[in-house]
Each structure stands twice: as C-alpha cells, then as structure tokens.
Protein backbone atom coordinates (compact mmCIF):
# COMPACT_ATOMS: atom_id res chain seq x y z
CA MET A 1 -75.65 -21.18 60.88
CA THR A 2 -78.50 -23.84 61.29
CA LEU A 3 -82.08 -22.94 60.54
CA SER A 4 -85.09 -24.63 61.98
CA PRO A 5 -87.11 -26.00 59.42
CA SER A 6 -89.59 -23.11 60.11
CA GLN A 7 -86.55 -21.10 58.90
CA VAL A 8 -86.49 -22.72 56.01
CA GLU A 9 -90.14 -22.54 55.23
CA ASP A 10 -90.10 -19.18 55.56
CA LEU A 11 -87.68 -18.53 53.47
CA ARG A 12 -88.81 -20.79 50.47
CA LEU A 13 -92.38 -18.78 51.08
CA ALA A 14 -90.83 -15.42 50.62
CA ALA A 15 -88.90 -16.76 47.68
CA SER A 16 -92.11 -17.72 46.11
CA LYS A 17 -93.91 -14.11 46.20
CA MET A 18 -91.10 -12.91 43.86
CA THR A 19 -90.21 -13.30 40.65
CA GLY A 20 -87.62 -12.96 38.07
CA ALA A 21 -84.04 -11.05 38.66
CA LYS A 22 -85.46 -10.05 42.80
CA ARG A 23 -85.88 -13.48 43.07
CA ARG A 24 -82.78 -14.26 41.81
CA ASP A 25 -81.14 -11.90 44.10
CA PHE A 26 -82.58 -12.77 46.81
CA GLN A 27 -81.75 -16.54 46.86
CA ALA A 28 -78.20 -15.41 45.70
CA GLN A 29 -78.27 -13.52 49.10
CA MET A 30 -79.52 -16.33 51.26
CA THR A 31 -77.15 -18.74 49.98
CA ILE A 32 -74.50 -16.43 50.67
CA LYS A 33 -75.24 -16.21 54.35
CA TYR A 34 -76.58 -19.72 54.99
CA CYS A 35 -75.18 -21.95 52.80
CA GLU A 36 -71.44 -20.30 51.78
CA GLY A 37 -72.01 -19.65 48.35
CA SER A 38 -73.14 -23.27 47.25
CA ALA A 39 -76.09 -23.21 44.95
CA ARG A 40 -75.89 -27.21 45.96
CA LYS A 41 -76.23 -26.71 49.54
CA ALA A 42 -78.48 -24.44 48.23
CA GLU A 43 -80.52 -26.40 46.56
CA ARG A 44 -80.58 -29.44 49.28
CA LEU A 45 -81.65 -27.08 51.82
CA PHE A 46 -84.09 -24.45 50.60
CA GLY A 47 -85.23 -26.72 47.11
CA TRP A 48 -84.92 -23.77 44.82
CA GLY A 49 -83.55 -24.61 41.35
CA ARG A 50 -79.70 -24.71 41.03
CA ARG A 51 -79.08 -23.37 38.03
CA ASN A 52 -81.45 -20.12 39.37
CA VAL A 53 -79.31 -19.95 42.49
CA GLN A 54 -75.92 -20.25 40.06
CA LEU A 55 -77.66 -17.38 37.81
CA GLY A 56 -78.38 -15.14 40.91
CA LEU A 57 -74.77 -15.35 42.39
CA GLU A 58 -73.18 -14.77 38.96
CA GLU A 59 -75.45 -11.49 38.55
CA ARG A 60 -74.81 -10.47 42.35
CA ARG A 61 -70.69 -10.81 41.38
CA SER A 62 -70.89 -8.95 38.01
CA GLY A 63 -73.74 -6.29 38.60
CA ILE A 64 -74.98 -6.87 35.24
CA ILE A 65 -79.12 -8.52 35.71
CA CYS A 66 -79.81 -11.20 32.89
CA VAL A 67 -83.14 -10.17 31.12
CA GLY A 68 -85.01 -13.42 29.58
CA LEU A 69 -86.41 -13.06 25.90
CA GLN A 70 -89.87 -13.41 27.62
CA SER A 71 -89.44 -9.86 28.23
CA THR A 72 -88.60 -8.61 24.80
CA TYR A 73 -91.64 -10.45 23.09
CA SER A 74 -94.73 -8.25 22.89
CA GLY A 75 -97.24 -11.35 22.00
CA ALA A 76 -99.62 -11.22 19.54
CA LYS A 77 -102.36 -8.64 19.60
CA LYS A 78 -106.23 -9.53 20.74
CA TRP A 79 -108.44 -10.03 17.58
CA GLU A 80 -110.69 -6.77 19.49
CA GLU A 81 -107.41 -4.96 19.48
CA LEU A 82 -106.41 -5.88 15.14
CA PHE A 83 -110.71 -5.11 14.46
CA PRO A 84 -112.07 -2.65 16.60
CA SER A 85 -115.03 -1.57 14.72
CA ALA A 86 -115.83 -5.60 14.53
CA ALA A 87 -115.52 -5.87 17.88
CA GLN A 88 -117.59 -3.38 18.64
CA ALA A 89 -120.32 -4.47 16.26
CA LEU A 90 -119.92 -8.44 18.09
CA ARG A 91 -120.76 -5.95 21.12
CA GLU A 92 -124.02 -4.60 20.01
CA ILE A 93 -124.72 -8.16 18.86
CA ALA A 94 -123.77 -9.78 22.24
CA GLU A 95 -125.68 -7.28 24.32
CA ALA A 96 -128.68 -7.35 22.04
CA HIS A 97 -128.59 -11.75 22.98
CA ALA A 98 -127.77 -10.94 26.76
CA GLN A 99 -129.69 -11.03 29.77
CA GLN A 100 -128.49 -11.11 33.34
CA GLU A 101 -127.36 -14.16 35.50
CA PRO A 102 -131.11 -15.12 37.34
CA SER A 103 -129.57 -14.39 41.16
CA PHE A 104 -128.22 -10.83 40.37
CA LYS A 105 -125.16 -12.00 42.61
CA THR A 106 -122.39 -11.46 39.95
CA SER A 107 -122.28 -9.15 36.91
CA ILE A 108 -121.66 -11.83 34.11
CA ALA A 109 -124.14 -11.64 31.37
CA PHE A 110 -125.58 -14.87 30.04
CA THR A 111 -126.33 -14.78 26.29
CA ARG A 112 -128.22 -17.61 24.22
CA LEU A 113 -126.33 -15.87 21.13
CA THR A 114 -123.88 -18.82 19.88
CA ALA A 115 -120.46 -18.54 18.28
CA SER A 116 -122.00 -19.63 15.30
CA GLU A 117 -125.06 -17.02 14.97
CA ALA A 118 -122.17 -14.47 15.72
CA ILE A 119 -120.87 -14.95 13.24
CA ALA A 120 -123.60 -14.59 10.63
CA GLU A 121 -124.76 -11.92 12.10
CA LEU A 122 -120.99 -10.21 11.82
CA LYS A 123 -121.03 -11.17 8.01
CA ASN A 124 -124.86 -9.80 7.37
CA GLN A 125 -123.29 -6.62 8.48
CA GLY A 126 -120.99 -6.62 5.91
CA PHE A 127 -117.35 -7.78 7.28
CA LYS A 128 -115.13 -9.26 5.40
CA SER A 129 -114.49 -13.11 6.33
CA GLU A 130 -110.42 -12.43 6.92
CA GLN A 131 -111.51 -9.78 10.01
CA ILE A 132 -114.21 -12.66 11.59
CA PRO A 133 -112.37 -15.65 13.49
CA ALA A 134 -113.03 -19.41 13.39
CA PRO A 135 -116.21 -20.30 15.82
CA SER A 136 -113.84 -21.96 18.43
CA THR A 137 -112.09 -18.69 18.69
CA MET A 138 -114.98 -16.40 18.34
CA ALA A 139 -116.40 -18.43 22.02
CA VAL A 140 -113.38 -17.29 23.65
CA ILE A 141 -113.22 -13.74 22.47
CA LEU A 142 -117.11 -13.73 23.44
CA ASN A 143 -116.09 -15.06 27.02
CA ARG A 144 -113.14 -12.47 27.20
CA MET A 145 -115.93 -9.89 26.75
CA GLY A 146 -117.41 -11.19 29.84
CA TYR A 147 -120.34 -13.03 28.05
CA ARG A 148 -121.00 -16.39 29.25
CA LEU A 149 -122.46 -18.52 26.05
CA ARG A 150 -125.06 -21.25 27.36
CA LYS A 151 -126.93 -23.92 26.08
CA VAL A 152 -130.51 -22.67 25.75
CA LEU A 153 -132.58 -25.68 28.12
CA LYS A 154 -135.66 -26.49 26.17
CA ALA A 155 -138.51 -26.83 28.79
CA LYS A 156 -139.48 -30.45 29.79
CA PRO A 157 -142.97 -31.60 31.24
CA GLN A 158 -143.21 -32.33 34.62
CA LYS A 159 -143.91 -36.35 35.40
CA LYS A 160 -147.16 -37.72 36.39
CA PHE A 161 -146.59 -38.85 40.00
CA PRO A 162 -149.12 -41.20 41.60
CA LYS A 163 -151.28 -39.03 44.04
CA PRO A 164 -150.68 -40.44 47.75
CA MET A 165 -153.15 -41.66 49.91
CA PRO A 166 -154.14 -40.16 53.05
CA SER A 167 -156.16 -42.29 54.01
CA LEU A 168 -153.77 -45.56 53.43
CA LYS A 169 -150.76 -45.06 56.38
CA ILE A 170 -148.75 -48.20 55.65
CA SER A 171 -147.33 -49.30 52.55
CA ALA A 172 -148.64 -52.22 50.37
CA SER A 173 -145.90 -54.51 51.56
CA LYS A 174 -146.80 -54.08 55.16
CA THR A 175 -150.81 -55.08 53.96
CA LYS A 176 -149.48 -57.94 52.84
CA LYS A 177 -147.78 -59.47 55.14
CA MET A 178 -150.51 -58.66 57.24
CA ILE A 179 -153.10 -60.24 55.21
CA ARG A 180 -151.24 -63.33 55.27
CA GLU A 181 -150.83 -63.52 59.30
CA LEU A 182 -154.77 -63.28 59.53
CA ASN A 183 -155.28 -66.49 56.98
CA VAL A 184 -152.59 -68.15 58.84
C-alpha cells in the first residue's frame, strides 16, 4: 500500500504529538500496517528512529512496556522546597523592592533588588550561609518566583539641540550655492 506525501506528513505529525510508550506503540502499528513490520522501511518512509520503532515492535510482540530511567529519577529539589522559611523571607524582601511593569500588560513584577543584595539581606535576617545560594542561583530563584531583575538606569541629561530658525526655509549649502551663482 502506498501513501501520499500528505498522508505521510499527517502520520509524522501524529507521532510527534505523542511521547514514550504511546508514541512507540503508534509507530509500531503504522510500521506493521504500511511497512510490513520493517523498522528500516519505517525509517525511510516516515523518518522515525529505527531503534525506537524496533522497540515499539518488541513491546507489541511481548506485551511488556519498557520504562526509561528518567521516570524513576525524582530530580533535585528546588531551593524553595529545601528551605521554605528562607524562601518566604526572600519573597518578602523582593516584594518590598518590587514594582509593577509600567504598561500593566503583564503581571510580571520588576525588582531593583540584585542577587547580592538579596543574599546580604537574608544574612542580616540570620540565615546561615549553608541555606543561602550563590548569586547566580539567587538570580534564577528570583526569576522563578516571578521577579525580573533589571539594572537601574540613571537619568541621562537631554542633549541640547540648536533651535531651528523659522524664517530660514533653505539649508546653508543651498544658500552658499545661490551666493556663488550671483557673484558669477
């Protein structure tokens, strides 16, 4: 059975919307239906990874679904979860320095608080240095909490521009050119 290019593209799109065992099962079903159960043909026709398709075929044959190691890995806990009291103190510090975005289009709060200032204030409140992260991590934590760190811009004086003369309608180069023509 031959498939049109649009049908192949639709099957690729459908597979891209799935993940894990569901994706492998779908790829295995389409391989059996359109590629005679050959993972190599599926790779050529659909552009799917041959090993992935082969694993899906094996899962269908045996009935056992392979689970990756990433599903068992819980990951490192976030700083806010490890030190909730310090995180609450940091929120209060950041809230004191926060200001709303001027256009009010988003709910993002900008803060003039720097990561090093936040660390210093946490130390002043009595938190141990083991509980306080490095400055780069502190910046990430503040961003994750919804505070965007921005550099404070100093006011810049406006440049002085010469005032245009309303009576002079032509440029200086045209004026010089006209004077030269009169003198000739």
